[in-house]
Amino acid sequence: MTRDEFKQLKVGDRVTHPAFIGFLTIAQIETSYDYSTTPATKWTDAITVDTGNRLKIIDERDVRLLRKL
């Protein structure tokens, strides 16, 4: 997954990652804002899945391995 695709994830989206067996559901997101645009653009900065695992956008290796279903 690219960083731009990660920024568009929402609560309830289903994803998969090679480190975990099965499919994961995004339970919570943390957002940030890009103030270089008018109006400010809201985007996903970190996700927490239903198993409790958390992934930040700065974890580039893991973000690349993440796949949206």
PDB file of N, CA and C in Angstrom:
ATOM      1  N   MET A   1       0.845  -1.161   0.000  1.00  0.00           N
ATOM      2  CA  MET A   1       0.000   0.000   0.000  1.00  0.00           C
ATOM      3  C   MET A   1       0.900   1.236   0.000  1.00  0.00           C
ATOM      4  N   THR A   2       0.500   2.234  -0.733  1.00  0.00           N
ATOM      5  CA  THR A   2       1.264   3.478  -0.758  1.00  0.00           C
ATOM      6  C   THR A   2       0.853   4.360   0.416  1.00  0.00           C
ATOM      7  N   ARG A   3       1.646   5.381   0.679  1.00  0.00           N
ATOM      8  CA  ARG A   3       1.311   6.324   1.752  1.00  0.00           C
ATOM      9  C   ARG A   3      -0.006   7.045   1.458  1.00  0.00           C
ATOM     10  N   ASP A   4      -0.260   7.363   0.195  1.00  0.00           N
ATOM     11  CA  ASP A   4      -1.510   8.034  -0.164  1.00  0.00           C
ATOM     12  C   ASP A   4      -2.715   7.131   0.086  1.00  0.00           C
ATOM     13  N   GLU A   5      -2.586   5.841  -0.196  1.00  0.00           N
ATOM     14  CA  GLU A   5      -3.675   4.902   0.076  1.00  0.00           C
ATOM     15  C   GLU A   5      -3.890   4.767   1.581  1.00  0.00           C
ATOM     16  N   PHE A   6      -2.804   4.748   2.352  1.00  0.00           N
ATOM     17  CA  PHE A   6      -2.903   4.653   3.813  1.00  0.00           C
ATOM     18  C   PHE A   6      -3.648   5.860   4.373  1.00  0.00           C
ATOM     19  N   LYS A   7      -3.379   7.031   3.837  1.00  0.00           N
ATOM     20  CA  LYS A   7      -4.011   8.262   4.314  1.00  0.00           C
ATOM     21  C   LYS A   7      -5.520   8.254   4.127  1.00  0.00           C
ATOM     22  N   GLN A   8      -6.033   7.409   3.242  1.00  0.00           N
ATOM     23  CA  GLN A   8      -7.465   7.373   2.948  1.00  0.00           C
ATOM     24  C   GLN A   8      -8.213   6.280   3.702  1.00  0.00           C
ATOM     25  N   LEU A   9      -7.526   5.498   4.551  1.00  0.00           N
ATOM     26  CA  LEU A   9      -8.188   4.436   5.298  1.00  0.00           C
ATOM     27  C   LEU A   9      -9.200   5.011   6.286  1.00  0.00           C
ATOM     28  N   LYS A  10     -10.274   4.274   6.503  1.00  0.00           N
ATOM     29  CA  LYS A  10     -11.351   4.685   7.405  1.00  0.00           C
ATOM     30  C   LYS A  10     -11.662   3.552   8.378  1.00  0.00           C
ATOM     31  N   VAL A  11     -12.347   3.863   9.468  1.00  0.00           N
ATOM     32  CA  VAL A  11     -12.797   2.856  10.424  1.00  0.00           C
ATOM     33  C   VAL A  11     -13.735   1.895   9.699  1.00  0.00           C
ATOM     34  N   GLY A  12     -13.522   0.612   9.919  1.00  0.00           N
ATOM     35  CA  GLY A  12     -14.347  -0.415   9.290  1.00  0.00           C
ATOM     36  C   GLY A  12     -13.725  -1.028   8.053  1.00  0.00           C
ATOM     37  N   ASP A  13     -12.698  -0.386   7.485  1.00  0.00           N
ATOM     38  CA  ASP A  13     -12.013  -0.959   6.329  1.00  0.00           C
ATOM     39  C   ASP A  13     -11.342  -2.267   6.742  1.00  0.00           C
ATOM     40  N   ARG A  14     -11.323  -3.230   5.834  1.00  0.00           N
ATOM     41  CA  ARG A  14     -10.687  -4.521   6.082  1.00  0.00           C
ATOM     42  C   ARG A  14      -9.325  -4.540   5.395  1.00  0.00           C
ATOM     43  N   VAL A  15      -8.316  -4.999   6.120  1.00  0.00           N
ATOM     44  CA  VAL A  15      -6.948  -5.047   5.603  1.00  0.00           C
ATOM     45  C   VAL A  15      -6.323  -6.389   5.950  1.00  0.00           C
ATOM     46  N   THR A  16      -5.200  -6.672   5.312  1.00  0.00           N
ATOM     47  CA  THR A  16      -4.421  -7.858   5.623  1.00  0.00           C
ATOM     48  C   THR A  16      -2.942  -7.473   5.648  1.00  0.00           C
ATOM     49  N   HIS A  17      -2.170  -8.217   6.443  1.00  0.00           N
ATOM     50  CA  HIS A  17      -0.740  -7.975   6.587  1.00  0.00           C
ATOM     51  C   HIS A  17      -0.074  -9.338   6.749  1.00  0.00           C
ATOM     52  N   PRO A  18       1.067  -9.567   6.106  1.00  0.00           N
ATOM     53  CA  PRO A  18       1.720 -10.879   6.179  1.00  0.00           C
ATOM     54  C   PRO A  18       2.091 -11.337   7.591  1.00  0.00           C
ATOM     55  N   ALA A  19       2.277 -10.432   8.516  1.00  0.00           N
ATOM     56  CA  ALA A  19       2.658 -10.801   9.876  1.00  0.00           C
ATOM     57  C   ALA A  19       1.477 -11.360  10.686  1.00  0.00           C
ATOM     58  N   PHE A  20       0.251 -11.199  10.185  1.00  0.00           N
ATOM     59  CA  PHE A  20      -0.943 -11.637  10.904  1.00  0.00           C
ATOM     60  C   PHE A  20      -1.740 -12.605  10.043  1.00  0.00           C
ATOM     61  N   ILE A  21      -2.298 -13.617  10.674  1.00  0.00           N
ATOM     62  CA  ILE A  21      -3.130 -14.588   9.964  1.00  0.00           C
ATOM     63  C   ILE A  21      -4.550 -14.041   9.910  1.00  0.00           C
ATOM     64  N   GLY A  22      -5.147 -14.070   8.733  1.00  0.00           N
ATOM     65  CA  GLY A  22      -6.523 -13.633   8.589  1.00  0.00           C
ATOM     66  C   GLY A  22      -6.637 -12.175   8.207  1.00  0.00           C
ATOM     67  N   PHE A  23      -7.858 -11.710   8.276  1.00  0.00           N
ATOM     68  CA  PHE A  23      -8.169 -10.340   7.888  1.00  0.00           C
ATOM     69  C   PHE A  23      -8.375  -9.496   9.132  1.00  0.00           C
ATOM     70  N   LEU A  24      -7.965  -8.244   9.054  1.00  0.00           N
ATOM     71  CA  LEU A  24      -8.072  -7.325  10.178  1.00  0.00           C
ATOM     72  C   LEU A  24      -9.062  -6.225   9.828  1.00  0.00           C
ATOM     73  N   THR A  25      -9.783  -5.741  10.815  1.00  0.00           N
ATOM     74  CA  THR A  25     -10.710  -4.633  10.631  1.00  0.00           C
ATOM     75  C   THR A  25     -10.166  -3.431  11.383  1.00  0.00           C
ATOM     76  N   ILE A  26     -10.147  -2.294  10.734  1.00  0.00           N
ATOM     77  CA  ILE A  26      -9.662  -1.076  11.387  1.00  0.00           C
ATOM     78  C   ILE A  26     -10.701  -0.628  12.409  1.00  0.00           C
ATOM     79  N   ALA A  27     -10.287  -0.570  13.664  1.00  0.00           N
ATOM     80  CA  ALA A  27     -11.185  -0.219  14.750  1.00  0.00           C
ATOM     81  C   ALA A  27     -11.096   1.258  15.131  1.00  0.00           C
ATOM     82  N   GLN A  28      -9.935   1.864  14.901  1.00  0.00           N
ATOM     83  CA  GLN A  28      -9.743   3.255  15.289  1.00  0.00           C
ATOM     84  C   GLN A  28      -8.695   3.879  14.381  1.00  0.00           C
ATOM     85  N   ILE A  29      -8.870   5.162  14.080  1.00  0.00           N
ATOM     86  CA  ILE A  29      -7.858   5.883  13.319  1.00  0.00           C
ATOM     87  C   ILE A  29      -7.473   7.147  14.084  1.00  0.00           C
ATOM     88  N   GLU A  30      -6.251   7.585  13.851  1.00  0.00           N
ATOM     89  CA  GLU A  30      -5.789   8.871  14.358  1.00  0.00           C
ATOM     90  C   GLU A  30      -5.550   9.741  13.147  1.00  0.00           C
ATOM     91  N   THR A  31      -6.039  10.952  13.184  1.00  0.00           N
ATOM     92  CA  THR A  31      -5.948  11.824  12.020  1.00  0.00           C
ATOM     93  C   THR A  31      -4.997  12.986  12.248  1.00  0.00           C
ATOM     94  N   SER A  32      -4.521  13.500  11.151  1.00  0.00           N
ATOM     95  CA  SER A  32      -3.701  14.714  11.131  1.00  0.00           C
ATOM     96  C   SER A  32      -4.268  15.623  10.057  1.00  0.00           C
ATOM     97  N   TYR A  33      -3.791  16.840  10.035  1.00  0.00           N
ATOM     98  CA  TYR A  33      -4.266  17.799   9.044  1.00  0.00           C
ATOM     99  C   TYR A  33      -3.087  18.367   8.266  1.00  0.00           C
ATOM    100  N   ASP A  34      -3.300  18.584   6.982  1.00  0.00           N
ATOM    101  CA  ASP A  34      -2.320  19.227   6.115  1.00  0.00           C
ATOM    102  C   ASP A  34      -2.759  20.676   5.952  1.00  0.00           C
ATOM    103  N   TYR A  35      -2.060  21.584   6.608  1.00  0.00           N
ATOM    104  CA  TYR A  35      -2.439  22.989   6.595  1.00  0.00           C
ATOM    105  C   TYR A  35      -1.855  23.752   5.412  1.00  0.00           C
ATOM    106  N   SER A  36      -1.148  23.059   4.531  1.00  0.00           N
ATOM    107  CA  SER A  36      -0.615  23.740   3.348  1.00  0.00           C
ATOM    108  C   SER A  36      -1.689  23.914   2.277  1.00  0.00           C
ATOM    109  N   THR A  37      -2.852  23.309   2.483  1.00  0.00           N
ATOM    110  CA  THR A  37      -3.966  23.463   1.546  1.00  0.00           C
ATOM    111  C   THR A  37      -5.072  24.268   2.205  1.00  0.00           C
ATOM    112  N   THR A  38      -5.904  24.871   1.390  1.00  0.00           N
ATOM    113  CA  THR A  38      -7.046  25.623   1.920  1.00  0.00           C
ATOM    114  C   THR A  38      -8.309  25.045   1.336  1.00  0.00           C
ATOM    115  N   PRO A  39      -9.239  24.517   2.086  1.00  0.00           N
ATOM    116  CA  PRO A  39      -9.168  24.313   3.540  1.00  0.00           C
ATOM    117  C   PRO A  39      -8.206  23.180   3.890  1.00  0.00           C
ATOM    118  N   ALA A  40      -7.874  23.072   5.161  1.00  0.00           N
ATOM    119  CA  ALA A  40      -6.938  22.038   5.607  1.00  0.00           C
ATOM    120  C   ALA A  40      -7.483  20.651   5.264  1.00  0.00           C
ATOM    121  N   THR A  41      -6.603  19.765   4.812  1.00  0.00           N
ATOM    122  CA  THR A  41      -6.989  18.416   4.418  1.00  0.00           C
ATOM    123  C   THR A  41      -6.751  17.456   5.579  1.00  0.00           C
ATOM    124  N   LYS A  42      -7.771  16.669   5.905  1.00  0.00           N
ATOM    125  CA  LYS A  42      -7.689  15.684   6.977  1.00  0.00           C
ATOM    126  C   LYS A  42      -7.234  14.353   6.382  1.00  0.00           C
ATOM    127  N   TRP A  43      -6.281  13.665   7.046  1.00  0.00           N
ATOM    128  CA  TRP A  43      -5.810  12.373   6.566  1.00  0.00           C
ATOM    129  C   TRP A  43      -5.465  11.457   7.731  1.00  0.00           C
ATOM    130  N   THR A  44      -5.433  10.144   7.465  1.00  0.00           N
ATOM    131  CA  THR A  44      -5.147   9.143   8.483  1.00  0.00           C
ATOM    132  C   THR A  44      -3.650   9.094   8.755  1.00  0.00           C
ATOM    133  N   ASP A  45      -3.293   9.222  10.030  1.00  0.00           N
ATOM    134  CA  ASP A  45      -1.894   9.210  10.452  1.00  0.00           C
ATOM    135  C   ASP A  45      -1.498   7.865  11.063  1.00  0.00           C
ATOM    136  N   ALA A  46      -2.444   7.198  11.750  1.00  0.00           N
ATOM    137  CA  ALA A  46      -2.183   5.904  12.381  1.00  0.00           C
ATOM    138  C   ALA A  46      -3.490   5.125  12.461  1.00  0.00           C
ATOM    139  N   ILE A  47      -3.378   3.795  12.441  1.00  0.00           N
ATOM    140  CA  ILE A  47      -4.564   2.952  12.567  1.00  0.00           C
ATOM    141  C   ILE A  47      -4.362   1.971  13.715  1.00  0.00           C
ATOM    142  N   THR A  48      -5.462   1.560  14.322  1.00  0.00           N
ATOM    143  CA  THR A  48      -5.476   0.486  15.305  1.00  0.00           C
ATOM    144  C   THR A  48      -6.490  -0.528  14.792  1.00  0.00           C
ATOM    145  N   VAL A  49      -6.078  -1.797  14.702  1.00  0.00           N
ATOM    146  CA  VAL A  49      -6.968  -2.838  14.192  1.00  0.00           C
ATOM    147  C   VAL A  49      -7.639  -3.569  15.345  1.00  0.00           C
ATOM    148  N   ASP A  50      -8.617  -4.415  15.017  1.00  0.00           N
ATOM    149  CA  ASP A  50      -9.419  -5.095  16.031  1.00  0.00           C
ATOM    150  C   ASP A  50      -8.613  -6.011  16.959  1.00  0.00           C
ATOM    151  N   THR A  51      -7.407  -6.396  16.579  1.00  0.00           N
ATOM    152  CA  THR A  51      -6.563  -7.220  17.450  1.00  0.00           C
ATOM    153  C   THR A  51      -5.750  -6.373  18.427  1.00  0.00           C
ATOM    154  N   GLY A  52      -5.834  -5.052  18.293  1.00  0.00           N
ATOM    155  CA  GLY A  52      -5.104  -4.154  19.174  1.00  0.00           C
ATOM    156  C   GLY A  52      -3.786  -3.662  18.609  1.00  0.00           C
ATOM    157  N   ASN A  53      -3.365  -4.198  17.480  1.00  0.00           N
ATOM    158  CA  ASN A  53      -2.111  -3.758  16.866  1.00  0.00           C
ATOM    159  C   ASN A  53      -2.284  -2.374  16.266  1.00  0.00           C
ATOM    160  N   ARG A  54      -1.205  -1.590  16.324  1.00  0.00           N
ATOM    161  CA  ARG A  54      -1.236  -0.202  15.843  1.00  0.00           C
ATOM    162  C   ARG A  54      -0.159  -0.028  14.784  1.00  0.00           C
ATOM    163  N   LEU A  55      -0.474   0.751  13.769  1.00  0.00           N
ATOM    164  CA  LEU A  55       0.470   1.004  12.685  1.00  0.00           C
ATOM    165  C   LEU A  55       0.424   2.480  12.325  1.00  0.00           C
ATOM    166  N   LYS A  56       1.599   3.114  12.316  1.00  0.00           N
ATOM    167  CA  LYS A  56       1.707   4.527  11.956  1.00  0.00           C
ATOM    168  C   LYS A  56       2.164   4.657  10.510  1.00  0.00           C
ATOM    169  N   ILE A  57       1.856   5.771   9.899  1.00  0.00           N
ATOM    170  CA  ILE A  57       2.239   6.013   8.513  1.00  0.00           C
ATOM    171  C   ILE A  57       3.765   6.088   8.358  1.00  0.00           C
ATOM    172  N   ILE A  58       4.475   6.429   9.419  1.00  0.00           N
ATOM    173  CA  ILE A  58       5.939   6.531   9.328  1.00  0.00           C
ATOM    174  C   ILE A  58       6.624   5.164   9.330  1.00  0.00           C
ATOM    175  N   ASP A  59       5.878   4.092   9.625  1.00  0.00           N
ATOM    176  CA  ASP A  59       6.416   2.733   9.569  1.00  0.00           C
ATOM    177  C   ASP A  59       6.366   2.253   8.115  1.00  0.00           C
ATOM    178  N   GLU A  60       7.244   2.812   7.295  1.00  0.00           N
ATOM    179  CA  GLU A  60       7.169   2.632   5.838  1.00  0.00           C
ATOM    180  C   GLU A  60       7.193   1.178   5.392  1.00  0.00           C
ATOM    181  N   ARG A  61       8.024   0.344   5.987  1.00  0.00           N
ATOM    182  CA  ARG A  61       8.113  -1.052   5.574  1.00  0.00           C
ATOM    183  C   ARG A  61       6.783  -1.766   5.787  1.00  0.00           C
ATOM    184  N   ASP A  62       6.179  -1.579   6.957  1.00  0.00           N
ATOM    185  CA  ASP A  62       4.907  -2.236   7.253  1.00  0.00           C
ATOM    186  C   ASP A  62       3.756  -1.660   6.441  1.00  0.00           C
ATOM    187  N   VAL A  63       3.777  -0.380   6.170  1.00  0.00           N
ATOM    188  CA  VAL A  63       2.729   0.234   5.351  1.00  0.00           C
ATOM    189  C   VAL A  63       2.759  -0.361   3.940  1.00  0.00           C
ATOM    190  N   ARG A  64       3.948  -0.593   3.397  1.00  0.00           N
ATOM    191  CA  ARG A  64       4.056  -1.197   2.059  1.00  0.00           C
ATOM    192  C   ARG A  64       3.483  -2.612   2.026  1.00  0.00           C
ATOM    193  N   LEU A  65       3.557  -3.352   3.141  1.00  0.00           N
ATOM    194  CA  LEU A  65       3.062  -4.721   3.207  1.00  0.00           C
ATOM    195  C   LEU A  65       1.560  -4.818   3.451  1.00  0.00           C
ATOM    196  N   LEU A  66       0.958  -3.742   3.899  1.00  0.00           N
ATOM    197  CA  LEU A  66      -0.465  -3.709   4.202  1.00  0.00           C
ATOM    198  C   LEU A  66      -1.278  -3.731   2.920  1.00  0.00           C
ATOM    199  N   ARG A  67      -2.345  -4.504   2.868  1.00  0.00           N
ATOM    200  CA  ARG A  67      -3.226  -4.586   1.701  1.00  0.00           C
ATOM    201  C   ARG A  67      -4.669  -4.368   2.125  1.00  0.00           C
ATOM    202  N   LYS A  68      -5.380  -3.532   1.399  1.00  0.00           N
ATOM    203  CA  LYS A  68      -6.791  -3.287   1.662  1.00  0.00           C
ATOM    204  C   LYS A  68      -7.613  -4.305   0.879  1.00  0.00           C
ATOM    205  N   LEU A  69      -8.652  -4.828   1.513  1.00  0.00           N
ATOM    206  CA  LEU A  69      -9.520  -5.807   0.850  1.00  0.00           C
ATOM    207  C   LEU A  69     -10.716  -5.149   0.223  1.00  0.00           C
TER     208      LEU A  69
END
